[in-house]
């Protein structure tokens, strides 16, 4: 059993996000936390497990705004009394710029 997703550094981040499924349906979301391996999102509806999707959101760093775009797979979508659903997406592919933005975001002081 791999624990890689949980041993990588995670950071609480709150940004508006969009989850776009392979059938082109979109789900508005908000990021909850982020690592180099994936992102946890708040969604209004439950997302079917193992679906492939694109996740996009914008972050503001010291040098300005940057868009993060990743292809991933839904690994959990659990009901949450306060949040609606807590949905996890494991990154399968990140564009080069997004890799750099996530690294920089994770290195910033909390």
PDB file of N, CA and C in Angstrom:
ATOM      1  N   UNK A   1       0.850  -1.182   0.000  1.00  0.00           N
ATOM      2  CA  UNK A   1       0.000   0.000   0.000  1.00  0.00           C
ATOM      3  C   UNK A   1       0.893   1.241   0.000  1.00  0.00           C
ATOM      4  N   UNK A   2       0.581   2.170  -0.866  1.00  0.00           N
ATOM      5  CA  UNK A   2       1.381   3.385  -0.971  1.00  0.00           C
ATOM      6  C   UNK A   2       0.758   4.504  -0.144  1.00  0.00           C
ATOM      7  N   UNK A   3       1.598   5.189   0.622  1.00  0.00           N
ATOM      8  CA  UNK A   3       1.152   6.339   1.403  1.00  0.00           C
ATOM      9  C   UNK A   3       1.703   7.625   0.811  1.00  0.00           C
ATOM     10  N   UNK A   4       2.159   7.566  -0.434  1.00  0.00           N
ATOM     11  CA  UNK A   4       2.838   8.695  -1.054  1.00  0.00           C
ATOM     12  C   UNK A   4       1.998   9.969  -1.013  1.00  0.00           C
ATOM     13  N   UNK A   5       0.698   9.873  -1.243  1.00  0.00           N
ATOM     14  CA  UNK A   5      -0.153  11.060  -1.272  1.00  0.00           C
ATOM     15  C   UNK A   5      -0.147  11.801   0.058  1.00  0.00           C
ATOM     16  N   UNK A   6       0.036  11.099   1.137  1.00  0.00           N
ATOM     17  CA  UNK A   6      -0.013  11.737   2.448  1.00  0.00           C
ATOM     18  C   UNK A   6       1.350  12.113   3.003  1.00  0.00           C
ATOM     19  N   UNK A   7       2.430  11.605   2.416  1.00  0.00           N
ATOM     20  CA  UNK A   7       3.739  11.979   2.936  1.00  0.00           C
ATOM     21  C   UNK A   7       4.285  13.215   2.238  1.00  0.00           C
ATOM     22  N   UNK A   8       3.727  13.570   1.096  1.00  0.00           N
ATOM     23  CA  UNK A   8       4.165  14.798   0.452  1.00  0.00           C
ATOM     24  C   UNK A   8       3.577  15.976   1.212  1.00  0.00           C
ATOM     25  N   UNK A   9       4.301  17.064   1.200  1.00  0.00           N
ATOM     26  CA  UNK A   9       3.871  18.247   1.944  1.00  0.00           C
ATOM     27  C   UNK A   9       2.545  18.763   1.406  1.00  0.00           C
ATOM     28  N   UNK A  10       1.625  19.036   2.316  1.00  0.00           N
ATOM     29  CA  UNK A  10       0.317  19.562   1.952  1.00  0.00           C
ATOM     30  C   UNK A  10       0.187  20.953   2.538  1.00  0.00           C
ATOM     31  N   UNK A  11      -0.572  21.770   1.842  1.00  0.00           N
ATOM     32  CA  UNK A  11      -0.784  23.132   2.334  1.00  0.00           C
ATOM     33  C   UNK A  11      -2.251  23.498   2.149  1.00  0.00           C
ATOM     34  N   UNK A  12      -2.836  24.061   3.192  1.00  0.00           N
ATOM     35  CA  UNK A  12      -4.217  24.543   3.087  1.00  0.00           C
ATOM     36  C   UNK A  12      -4.228  25.749   2.147  1.00  0.00           C
ATOM     37  N   UNK A  13      -5.050  25.676   1.136  1.00  0.00           N
ATOM     38  CA  UNK A  13      -5.205  26.786   0.187  1.00  0.00           C
ATOM     39  C   UNK A  13      -6.689  26.940  -0.118  1.00  0.00           C
ATOM     40  N   UNK A  14      -7.125  28.165  -0.260  1.00  0.00           N
ATOM     41  CA  UNK A  14      -8.535  28.436  -0.544  1.00  0.00           C
ATOM     42  C   UNK A  14      -8.627  29.284  -1.812  1.00  0.00           C
ATOM     43  N   UNK A  15      -9.006  28.633  -2.899  1.00  0.00           N
ATOM     44  CA  UNK A  15      -9.155  29.323  -4.181  1.00  0.00           C
ATOM     45  C   UNK A  15     -10.374  28.767  -4.896  1.00  0.00           C
ATOM     46  N   UNK A  16     -11.073  29.616  -5.629  1.00  0.00           N
ATOM     47  CA  UNK A  16     -12.145  29.136  -6.496  1.00  0.00           C
ATOM     48  C   UNK A  16     -11.506  28.252  -7.562  1.00  0.00           C
ATOM     49  N   UNK A  17     -12.164  27.151  -7.882  1.00  0.00           N
ATOM     50  CA  UNK A  17     -11.619  26.197  -8.854  1.00  0.00           C
ATOM     51  C   UNK A  17     -12.737  25.681  -9.749  1.00  0.00           C
ATOM     52  N   UNK A  18     -12.336  25.075 -10.842  1.00  0.00           N
ATOM     53  CA  UNK A  18     -13.287  24.420 -11.743  1.00  0.00           C
ATOM     54  C   UNK A  18     -12.806  23.007 -12.003  1.00  0.00           C
ATOM     55  N   UNK A  19     -13.718  22.064 -11.880  1.00  0.00           N
ATOM     56  CA  UNK A  19     -13.464  20.662 -12.172  1.00  0.00           C
ATOM     57  C   UNK A  19     -14.194  20.376 -13.483  1.00  0.00           C
ATOM     58  N   UNK A  20     -13.458  19.986 -14.527  1.00  0.00           N
ATOM     59  CA  UNK A  20     -14.057  19.697 -15.825  1.00  0.00           C
ATOM     60  C   UNK A  20     -13.882  18.212 -16.109  1.00  0.00           C
ATOM     61  N   UNK A  21     -15.017  17.526 -16.283  1.00  0.00           N
ATOM     62  CA  UNK A  21     -14.990  16.087 -16.488  1.00  0.00           C
ATOM     63  C   UNK A  21     -14.747  15.774 -17.967  1.00  0.00           C
ATOM     64  N   UNK A  22     -14.468  14.513 -18.282  1.00  0.00           N
ATOM     65  CA  UNK A  22     -14.182  14.133 -19.665  1.00  0.00           C
ATOM     66  C   UNK A  22     -15.387  14.326 -20.583  1.00  0.00           C
ATOM     67  N   UNK A  23     -16.603  14.323 -20.032  1.00  0.00           N
ATOM     68  CA  UNK A  23     -17.793  14.581 -20.859  1.00  0.00           C
ATOM     69  C   UNK A  23     -18.068  16.086 -21.002  1.00  0.00           C
ATOM     70  N   UNK A  24     -17.117  16.902 -20.530  1.00  0.00           N
ATOM     71  CA  UNK A  24     -17.140  18.358 -20.611  1.00  0.00           C
ATOM     72  C   UNK A  24     -18.108  19.038 -19.643  1.00  0.00           C
ATOM     73  N   UNK A  25     -18.724  18.270 -18.736  1.00  0.00           N
ATOM     74  CA  UNK A  25     -19.502  18.918 -17.681  1.00  0.00           C
ATOM     75  C   UNK A  25     -18.523  19.564 -16.711  1.00  0.00           C
ATOM     76  N   UNK A  26     -18.950  20.673 -16.121  1.00  0.00           N
ATOM     77  CA  UNK A  26     -18.082  21.367 -15.171  1.00  0.00           C
ATOM     78  C   UNK A  26     -18.754  21.431 -13.807  1.00  0.00           C
ATOM     79  N   UNK A  27     -17.932  21.447 -12.801  1.00  0.00           N
ATOM     80  CA  UNK A  27     -18.390  21.556 -11.413  1.00  0.00           C
ATOM     81  C   UNK A  27     -17.604  22.682 -10.757  1.00  0.00           C
ATOM     82  N   UNK A  28     -18.297  23.719 -10.273  1.00  0.00           N
ATOM     83  CA  UNK A  28     -17.572  24.732  -9.506  1.00  0.00           C
ATOM     84  C   UNK A  28     -17.088  24.106  -8.204  1.00  0.00           C
ATOM     85  N   UNK A  29     -15.934  24.546  -7.749  1.00  0.00           N
ATOM     86  CA  UNK A  29     -15.341  23.963  -6.543  1.00  0.00           C
ATOM     87  C   UNK A  29     -14.495  25.021  -5.848  1.00  0.00           C
ATOM     88  N   UNK A  30     -14.024  24.665  -4.666  1.00  0.00           N
ATOM     89  CA  UNK A  30     -13.050  25.490  -3.941  1.00  0.00           C
ATOM     90  C   UNK A  30     -11.960  24.564  -3.440  1.00  0.00           C
ATOM     91  N   UNK A  31     -10.722  24.978  -3.580  1.00  0.00           N
ATOM     92  CA  UNK A  31      -9.628  24.158  -3.079  1.00  0.00           C
ATOM     93  C   UNK A  31      -9.633  24.182  -1.552  1.00  0.00           C
ATOM     94  N   UNK A  32      -9.240  23.068  -0.959  1.00  0.00           N
ATOM     95  CA  UNK A  32      -9.104  22.956   0.496  1.00  0.00           C
ATOM     96  C   UNK A  32      -7.640  22.796   0.882  1.00  0.00           C
ATOM     97  N   UNK A  33      -6.964  21.862   0.225  1.00  0.00           N
ATOM     98  CA  UNK A  33      -5.520  21.740   0.414  1.00  0.00           C
ATOM     99  C   UNK A  33      -4.897  21.180  -0.850  1.00  0.00           C
ATOM    100  N   UNK A  34      -3.579  21.349  -0.912  1.00  0.00           N
ATOM    101  CA  UNK A  34      -2.850  21.082  -2.138  1.00  0.00           C
ATOM    102  C   UNK A  34      -1.507  20.449  -1.808  1.00  0.00           C
ATOM    103  N   UNK A  35      -1.070  19.526  -2.661  1.00  0.00           N
ATOM    104  CA  UNK A  35       0.278  18.979  -2.581  1.00  0.00           C
ATOM    105  C   UNK A  35       0.776  18.826  -4.016  1.00  0.00           C
ATOM    106  N   UNK A  36       2.008  18.387  -4.176  1.00  0.00           N
ATOM    107  CA  UNK A  36       2.504  18.154  -5.529  1.00  0.00           C
ATOM    108  C   UNK A  36       1.795  16.973  -6.173  1.00  0.00           C
ATOM    109  N   UNK A  37       1.154  16.141  -5.365  1.00  0.00           N
ATOM    110  CA  UNK A  37       0.495  14.955  -5.896  1.00  0.00           C
ATOM    111  C   UNK A  37      -0.986  15.087  -6.137  1.00  0.00           C
ATOM    112  N   UNK A  38      -1.619  16.151  -5.612  1.00  0.00           N
ATOM    113  CA  UNK A  38      -3.048  16.271  -5.806  1.00  0.00           C
ATOM    114  C   UNK A  38      -3.653  17.421  -5.037  1.00  0.00           C
ATOM    115  N   UNK A  39      -4.979  17.497  -5.110  1.00  0.00           N
ATOM    116  CA  UNK A  39      -5.704  18.590  -4.479  1.00  0.00           C
ATOM    117  C   UNK A  39      -6.992  18.047  -3.863  1.00  0.00           C
ATOM    118  N   UNK A  40      -7.366  18.617  -2.731  1.00  0.00           N
ATOM    119  CA  UNK A  40      -8.643  18.325  -2.090  1.00  0.00           C
ATOM    120  C   UNK A  40      -9.556  19.514  -2.370  1.00  0.00           C
ATOM    121  N   UNK A  41     -10.779  19.220  -2.785  1.00  0.00           N
ATOM    122  CA  UNK A  41     -11.724  20.254  -3.204  1.00  0.00           C
ATOM    123  C   UNK A  41     -13.041  20.128  -2.461  1.00  0.00           C
ATOM    124  N   UNK A  42     -13.703  21.246  -2.303  1.00  0.00           N
ATOM    125  CA  UNK A  42     -15.082  21.280  -1.824  1.00  0.00           C
ATOM    126  C   UNK A  42     -15.960  21.353  -3.065  1.00  0.00           C
ATOM    127  N   UNK A  43     -16.896  20.409  -3.203  1.00  0.00           N
ATOM    128  CA  UNK A  43     -17.841  20.408  -4.325  1.00  0.00           C
ATOM    129  C   UNK A  43     -19.262  20.311  -3.791  1.00  0.00           C
ATOM    130  N   UNK A  44     -20.202  20.821  -4.565  1.00  0.00           N
ATOM    131  CA  UNK A  44     -21.607  20.792  -4.146  1.00  0.00           C
ATOM    132  C   UNK A  44     -22.237  19.423  -4.373  1.00  0.00           C
ATOM    133  N   UNK A  45     -21.709  18.671  -5.341  1.00  0.00           N
ATOM    134  CA  UNK A  45     -22.270  17.358  -5.632  1.00  0.00           C
ATOM    135  C   UNK A  45     -21.182  16.296  -5.570  1.00  0.00           C
ATOM    136  N   UNK A  46     -21.617  15.057  -5.362  1.00  0.00           N
ATOM    137  CA  UNK A  46     -20.668  13.953  -5.289  1.00  0.00           C
ATOM    138  C   UNK A  46     -20.178  13.632  -6.697  1.00  0.00           C
ATOM    139  N   UNK A  47     -18.884  13.406  -6.817  1.00  0.00           N
ATOM    140  CA  UNK A  47     -18.263  13.090  -8.095  1.00  0.00           C
ATOM    141  C   UNK A  47     -17.932  11.600  -8.096  1.00  0.00           C
ATOM    142  N   UNK A  48     -18.245  10.936  -9.191  1.00  0.00           N
ATOM    143  CA  UNK A  48     -18.014   9.495  -9.287  1.00  0.00           C
ATOM    144  C   UNK A  48     -16.514   9.184  -9.219  1.00  0.00           C
ATOM    145  N   UNK A  49     -16.151   8.184  -8.437  1.00  0.00           N
ATOM    146  CA  UNK A  49     -14.764   7.774  -8.265  1.00  0.00           C
ATOM    147  C   UNK A  49     -14.158   7.287  -9.577  1.00  0.00           C
ATOM    148  N   UNK A  50     -12.859   7.472  -9.697  1.00  0.00           N
ATOM    149  CA  UNK A  50     -12.029   7.002 -10.811  1.00  0.00           C
ATOM    150  C   UNK A  50     -12.239   7.785 -12.103  1.00  0.00           C
ATOM    151  N   UNK A  51     -13.081   8.807 -12.092  1.00  0.00           N
ATOM    152  CA  UNK A  51     -13.271   9.619 -13.295  1.00  0.00           C
ATOM    153  C   UNK A  51     -12.030  10.463 -13.547  1.00  0.00           C
ATOM    154  N   UNK A  52     -11.737  10.645 -14.820  1.00  0.00           N
ATOM    155  CA  UNK A  52     -10.654  11.543 -15.207  1.00  0.00           C
ATOM    156  C   UNK A  52     -11.222  12.946 -15.361  1.00  0.00           C
ATOM    157  N   UNK A  53     -10.410  13.938 -15.024  1.00  0.00           N
ATOM    158  CA  UNK A  53     -10.900  15.305 -15.054  1.00  0.00           C
ATOM    159  C   UNK A  53      -9.736  16.281 -15.194  1.00  0.00           C
ATOM    160  N   UNK A  54     -10.091  17.518 -15.442  1.00  0.00           N
ATOM    161  CA  UNK A  54      -9.125  18.616 -15.405  1.00  0.00           C
ATOM    162  C   UNK A  54      -9.505  19.495 -14.231  1.00  0.00           C
ATOM    163  N   UNK A  55      -8.508  19.989 -13.519  1.00  0.00           N
ATOM    164  CA  UNK A  55      -8.718  20.913 -12.409  1.00  0.00           C
ATOM    165  C   UNK A  55      -7.980  22.191 -12.756  1.00  0.00           C
ATOM    166  N   UNK A  56      -8.669  23.323 -12.609  1.00  0.00           N
ATOM    167  CA  UNK A  56      -7.985  24.598 -12.843  1.00  0.00           C
ATOM    168  C   UNK A  56      -8.363  25.579 -11.742  1.00  0.00           C
ATOM    169  N   UNK A  57      -7.366  26.377 -11.345  1.00  0.00           N
ATOM    170  CA  UNK A  57      -7.590  27.439 -10.375  1.00  0.00           C
ATOM    171  C   UNK A  57      -6.449  28.435 -10.484  1.00  0.00           C
ATOM    172  N   UNK A  58      -6.683  29.607  -9.950  1.00  0.00           N
ATOM    173  CA  UNK A  58      -5.688  30.670 -10.020  1.00  0.00           C
ATOM    174  C   UNK A  58      -5.156  30.961  -8.626  1.00  0.00           C
ATOM    175  N   UNK A  59      -3.835  31.129  -8.532  1.00  0.00           N
ATOM    176  CA  UNK A  59      -3.200  31.476  -7.262  1.00  0.00           C
ATOM    177  C   UNK A  59      -2.456  32.787  -7.418  1.00  0.00           C
ATOM    178  N   UNK A  60      -2.327  33.503  -6.324  1.00  0.00           N
ATOM    179  CA  UNK A  60      -1.590  34.758  -6.313  1.00  0.00           C
ATOM    180  C   UNK A  60      -0.320  34.563  -5.500  1.00  0.00           C
ATOM    181  N   UNK A  61       0.804  34.728  -6.164  1.00  0.00           N
ATOM    182  CA  UNK A  61       2.101  34.631  -5.520  1.00  0.00           C
ATOM    183  C   UNK A  61       2.743  36.008  -5.522  1.00  0.00           C
ATOM    184  N   UNK A  62       3.910  36.118  -4.932  1.00  0.00           N
ATOM    185  CA  UNK A  62       4.573  37.418  -4.816  1.00  0.00           C
ATOM    186  C   UNK A  62       4.822  38.075  -6.171  1.00  0.00           C
ATOM    187  N   UNK A  63       4.967  37.281  -7.226  1.00  0.00           N
ATOM    188  CA  UNK A  63       5.222  37.849  -8.551  1.00  0.00           C
ATOM    189  C   UNK A  63       3.964  37.960  -9.414  1.00  0.00           C
ATOM    190  N   UNK A  64       2.786  37.785  -8.816  1.00  0.00           N
ATOM    191  CA  UNK A  64       1.542  37.967  -9.561  1.00  0.00           C
ATOM    192  C   UNK A  64       0.652  36.739  -9.559  1.00  0.00           C
ATOM    193  N   UNK A  65      -0.339  36.761 -10.458  1.00  0.00           N
ATOM    194  CA  UNK A  65      -1.324  35.682 -10.549  1.00  0.00           C
ATOM    195  C   UNK A  65      -0.836  34.606 -11.520  1.00  0.00           C
ATOM    196  N   UNK A  66      -1.118  33.353 -11.166  1.00  0.00           N
ATOM    197  CA  UNK A  66      -0.730  32.213 -11.994  1.00  0.00           C
ATOM    198  C   UNK A  66      -1.880  31.218 -12.039  1.00  0.00           C
ATOM    199  N   UNK A  67      -2.121  30.635 -13.213  1.00  0.00           N
ATOM    200  CA  UNK A  67      -3.148  29.612 -13.346  1.00  0.00           C
ATOM    201  C   UNK A  67      -2.516  28.235 -13.201  1.00  0.00           C
ATOM    202  N   UNK A  68      -3.142  27.405 -12.401  1.00  0.00           N
ATOM    203  CA  UNK A  68      -2.728  26.011 -12.253  1.00  0.00           C
ATOM    204  C   UNK A  68      -3.710  25.167 -13.064  1.00  0.00           C
ATOM    205  N   UNK A  69      -3.172  24.304 -13.914  1.00  0.00           N
ATOM    206  CA  UNK A  69      -3.996  23.412 -14.722  1.00  0.00           C
ATOM    207  C   UNK A  69      -3.423  22.011 -14.612  1.00  0.00           C
ATOM    208  N   UNK A  70      -4.261  21.065 -14.205  1.00  0.00           N
ATOM    209  CA  UNK A  70      -3.809  19.689 -14.016  1.00  0.00           C
ATOM    210  C   UNK A  70      -4.842  18.715 -14.542  1.00  0.00           C
ATOM    211  N   UNK A  71      -4.363  17.609 -15.059  1.00  0.00           N
ATOM    212  CA  UNK A  71      -5.224  16.480 -15.401  1.00  0.00           C
ATOM    213  C   UNK A  71      -5.108  15.511 -14.236  1.00  0.00           C
ATOM    214  N   UNK A  72      -6.229  14.917 -13.852  1.00  0.00           N
ATOM    215  CA  UNK A  72      -6.180  14.033 -12.705  1.00  0.00           C
ATOM    216  C   UNK A  72      -7.299  13.018 -12.705  1.00  0.00           C
ATOM    217  N   UNK A  73      -7.375  12.305 -11.593  1.00  0.00           N
ATOM    218  CA  UNK A  73      -8.387  11.273 -11.404  1.00  0.00           C
ATOM    219  C   UNK A  73      -8.985  11.424 -10.012  1.00  0.00           C
ATOM    220  N   UNK A  74     -10.296  11.320  -9.928  1.00  0.00           N
ATOM    221  CA  UNK A  74     -11.003  11.431  -8.649  1.00  0.00           C
ATOM    222  C   UNK A  74     -10.697  10.194  -7.812  1.00  0.00           C
ATOM    223  N   UNK A  75     -10.160  10.410  -6.611  1.00  0.00           N
ATOM    224  CA  UNK A  75      -9.804   9.290  -5.737  1.00  0.00           C
ATOM    225  C   UNK A  75     -10.736   9.181  -4.530  1.00  0.00           C
ATOM    226  N   UNK A  76     -11.459  10.242  -4.215  1.00  0.00           N
ATOM    227  CA  UNK A  76     -12.509  10.166  -3.202  1.00  0.00           C
ATOM    228  C   UNK A  76     -13.478  11.323  -3.410  1.00  0.00           C
ATOM    229  N   UNK A  77     -14.712  11.119  -2.970  1.00  0.00           N
ATOM    230  CA  UNK A  77     -15.724  12.170  -2.964  1.00  0.00           C
ATOM    231  C   UNK A  77     -16.690  11.824  -1.843  1.00  0.00           C
ATOM    232  N   UNK A  78     -16.391  12.361  -0.664  1.00  0.00           N
ATOM    233  CA  UNK A  78     -17.086  11.973   0.555  1.00  0.00           C
ATOM    234  C   UNK A  78     -18.018  13.071   1.050  1.00  0.00           C
ATOM    235  N   UNK A  79     -19.228  12.685   1.510  1.00  0.00           N
ATOM    236  CA  UNK A  79     -20.135  13.685   2.082  1.00  0.00           C
ATOM    237  C   UNK A  79     -19.497  14.351   3.300  1.00  0.00           C
ATOM    238  N   UNK A  80     -19.742  15.654   3.445  1.00  0.00           N
ATOM    239  CA  UNK A  80     -19.242  16.419   4.581  1.00  0.00           C
ATOM    240  C   UNK A  80     -20.364  17.337   5.040  1.00  0.00           C
ATOM    241  N   UNK A  81     -20.701  17.287   6.321  1.00  0.00           N
ATOM    242  CA  UNK A  81     -21.835  18.046   6.853  1.00  0.00           C
ATOM    243  C   UNK A  81     -21.708  19.547   6.600  1.00  0.00           C
ATOM    244  N   UNK A  82     -20.489  20.072   6.632  1.00  0.00           N
ATOM    245  CA  UNK A  82     -20.297  21.508   6.450  1.00  0.00           C
ATOM    246  C   UNK A  82     -19.968  21.894   5.013  1.00  0.00           C
ATOM    247  N   UNK A  83     -19.289  21.025   4.292  1.00  0.00           N
ATOM    248  CA  UNK A  83     -18.742  21.393   2.985  1.00  0.00           C
ATOM    249  C   UNK A  83     -19.561  20.918   1.791  1.00  0.00           C
ATOM    250  N   UNK A  84     -20.497  20.029   1.999  1.00  0.00           N
ATOM    251  CA  UNK A  84     -21.191  19.397   0.871  1.00  0.00           C
ATOM    252  C   UNK A  84     -20.488  18.085   0.580  1.00  0.00           C
ATOM    253  N   UNK A  85     -19.454  18.139  -0.273  1.00  0.00           N
ATOM    254  CA  UNK A  85     -18.630  16.964  -0.545  1.00  0.00           C
ATOM    255  C   UNK A  85     -17.173  17.376  -0.545  1.00  0.00           C
ATOM    256  N   UNK A  86     -16.353  16.530   0.021  1.00  0.00           N
ATOM    257  CA  UNK A  86     -14.912  16.721  -0.001  1.00  0.00           C
ATOM    258  C   UNK A  86     -14.373  15.750  -1.048  1.00  0.00           C
ATOM    259  N   UNK A  87     -13.834  16.311  -2.126  1.00  0.00           N
ATOM    260  CA  UNK A  87     -13.448  15.525  -3.288  1.00  0.00           C
ATOM    261  C   UNK A  87     -11.947  15.623  -3.512  1.00  0.00           C
ATOM    262  N   UNK A  88     -11.296  14.476  -3.647  1.00  0.00           N
ATOM    263  CA  UNK A  88      -9.855  14.436  -3.863  1.00  0.00           C
ATOM    264  C   UNK A  88      -9.523  14.078  -5.294  1.00  0.00           C
ATOM    265  N   UNK A  89      -8.596  14.824  -5.880  1.00  0.00           N
ATOM    266  CA  UNK A  89      -8.133  14.548  -7.229  1.00  0.00           C
ATOM    267  C   UNK A  89      -6.627  14.317  -7.178  1.00  0.00           C
ATOM    268  N   UNK A  90      -6.212  13.148  -7.629  1.00  0.00           N
ATOM    269  CA  UNK A  90      -4.786  12.838  -7.734  1.00  0.00           C
ATOM    270  C   UNK A  90      -4.302  13.339  -9.090  1.00  0.00           C
ATOM    271  N   UNK A  91      -3.223  14.121  -9.076  1.00  0.00           N
ATOM    272  CA  UNK A  91      -2.684  14.636 -10.327  1.00  0.00           C
ATOM    273  C   UNK A  91      -2.029  13.512 -11.123  1.00  0.00           C
ATOM    274  N   UNK A  92      -2.351  13.487 -12.416  1.00  0.00           N
ATOM    275  CA  UNK A  92      -1.708  12.553 -13.328  1.00  0.00           C
ATOM    276  C   UNK A  92      -0.757  13.286 -14.257  1.00  0.00           C
ATOM    277  N   UNK A  93      -1.094  14.550 -14.542  1.00  0.00           N
ATOM    278  CA  UNK A  93      -0.258  15.350 -15.435  1.00  0.00           C
ATOM    279  C   UNK A  93      -0.463  16.826 -15.113  1.00  0.00           C
ATOM    280  N   UNK A  94       0.642  17.542 -14.986  1.00  0.00           N
ATOM    281  CA  UNK A  94       0.622  18.986 -14.757  1.00  0.00           C
ATOM    282  C   UNK A  94       1.433  19.648 -15.856  1.00  0.00           C
ATOM    283  N   UNK A  95       0.972  20.804 -16.329  1.00  0.00           N
ATOM    284  CA  UNK A  95       1.832  21.507 -17.272  1.00  0.00           C
ATOM    285  C   UNK A  95       3.036  22.048 -16.499  1.00  0.00           C
ATOM    286  N   UNK A  96       4.134  22.301 -17.221  1.00  0.00           N
ATOM    287  CA  UNK A  96       5.398  22.685 -16.579  1.00  0.00           C
ATOM    288  C   UNK A  96       5.227  23.912 -15.683  1.00  0.00           C
ATOM    289  N   UNK A  97       4.500  24.907 -16.146  1.00  0.00           N
ATOM    290  CA  UNK A  97       4.283  26.113 -15.349  1.00  0.00           C
ATOM    291  C   UNK A  97       3.552  25.822 -14.053  1.00  0.00           C
ATOM    292  N   UNK A  98       2.595  24.912 -14.093  1.00  0.00           N
ATOM    293  CA  UNK A  98       1.839  24.567 -12.888  1.00  0.00           C
ATOM    294  C   UNK A  98       2.708  23.857 -11.859  1.00  0.00           C
ATOM    295  N   UNK A  99       3.626  23.014 -12.315  1.00  0.00           N
ATOM    296  CA  UNK A  99       4.553  22.339 -11.406  1.00  0.00           C
ATOM    297  C   UNK A  99       5.348  23.387 -10.627  1.00  0.00           C
ATOM    298  N   UNK A 100       5.865  24.387 -11.342  1.00  0.00           N
ATOM    299  CA  UNK A 100       6.654  25.443 -10.705  1.00  0.00           C
ATOM    300  C   UNK A 100       5.815  26.258  -9.723  1.00  0.00           C
ATOM    301  N   UNK A 101       4.572  26.578 -10.106  1.00  0.00           N
ATOM    302  CA  UNK A 101       3.698  27.367  -9.227  1.00  0.00           C
ATOM    303  C   UNK A 101       3.397  26.596  -7.945  1.00  0.00           C
ATOM    304  N   UNK A 102       3.098  25.301  -8.058  1.00  0.00           N
ATOM    305  CA  UNK A 102       2.796  24.506  -6.874  1.00  0.00           C
ATOM    306  C   UNK A 102       4.028  24.407  -5.969  1.00  0.00           C
ATOM    307  N   UNK A 103       5.205  24.197  -6.563  1.00  0.00           N
ATOM    308  CA  UNK A 103       6.429  24.150  -5.755  1.00  0.00           C
ATOM    309  C   UNK A 103       6.618  25.457  -4.984  1.00  0.00           C
ATOM    310  N   UNK A 104       6.425  26.563  -5.672  1.00  0.00           N
ATOM    311  CA  UNK A 104       6.604  27.870  -5.032  1.00  0.00           C
ATOM    312  C   UNK A 104       5.558  28.076  -3.933  1.00  0.00           C
ATOM    313  N   UNK A 105       4.323  27.693  -4.199  1.00  0.00           N
ATOM    314  CA  UNK A 105       3.255  27.848  -3.209  1.00  0.00           C
ATOM    315  C   UNK A 105       3.540  27.020  -1.960  1.00  0.00           C
ATOM    316  N   UNK A 106       4.022  25.806  -2.140  1.00  0.00           N
ATOM    317  CA  UNK A 106       4.305  24.929  -1.010  1.00  0.00           C
ATOM    318  C   UNK A 106       5.508  25.405  -0.189  1.00  0.00           C
ATOM    319  N   UNK A 107       6.396  26.188  -0.790  1.00  0.00           N
ATOM    320  CA  UNK A 107       7.571  26.690  -0.085  1.00  0.00           C
ATOM    321  C   UNK A 107       7.316  27.988   0.647  1.00  0.00           C
ATOM    322  N   UNK A 108       6.228  28.692   0.298  1.00  0.00           N
ATOM    323  CA  UNK A 108       5.939  29.959   0.985  1.00  0.00           C
ATOM    324  C   UNK A 108       5.607  29.686   2.439  1.00  0.00           C
ATOM    325  N   UNK A 109       5.954  30.643   3.335  1.00  0.00           N
ATOM    326  CA  UNK A 109       5.591  30.461   4.742  1.00  0.00           C
ATOM    327  C   UNK A 109       4.077  30.417   4.904  1.00  0.00           C
ATOM    328  N   UNK A 110       3.614  29.601   5.809  1.00  0.00           N
ATOM    329  CA  UNK A 110       2.158  29.468   6.032  1.00  0.00           C
ATOM    330  C   UNK A 110       1.575  30.708   6.651  1.00  0.00           C
TER     331      UNK A 110
END
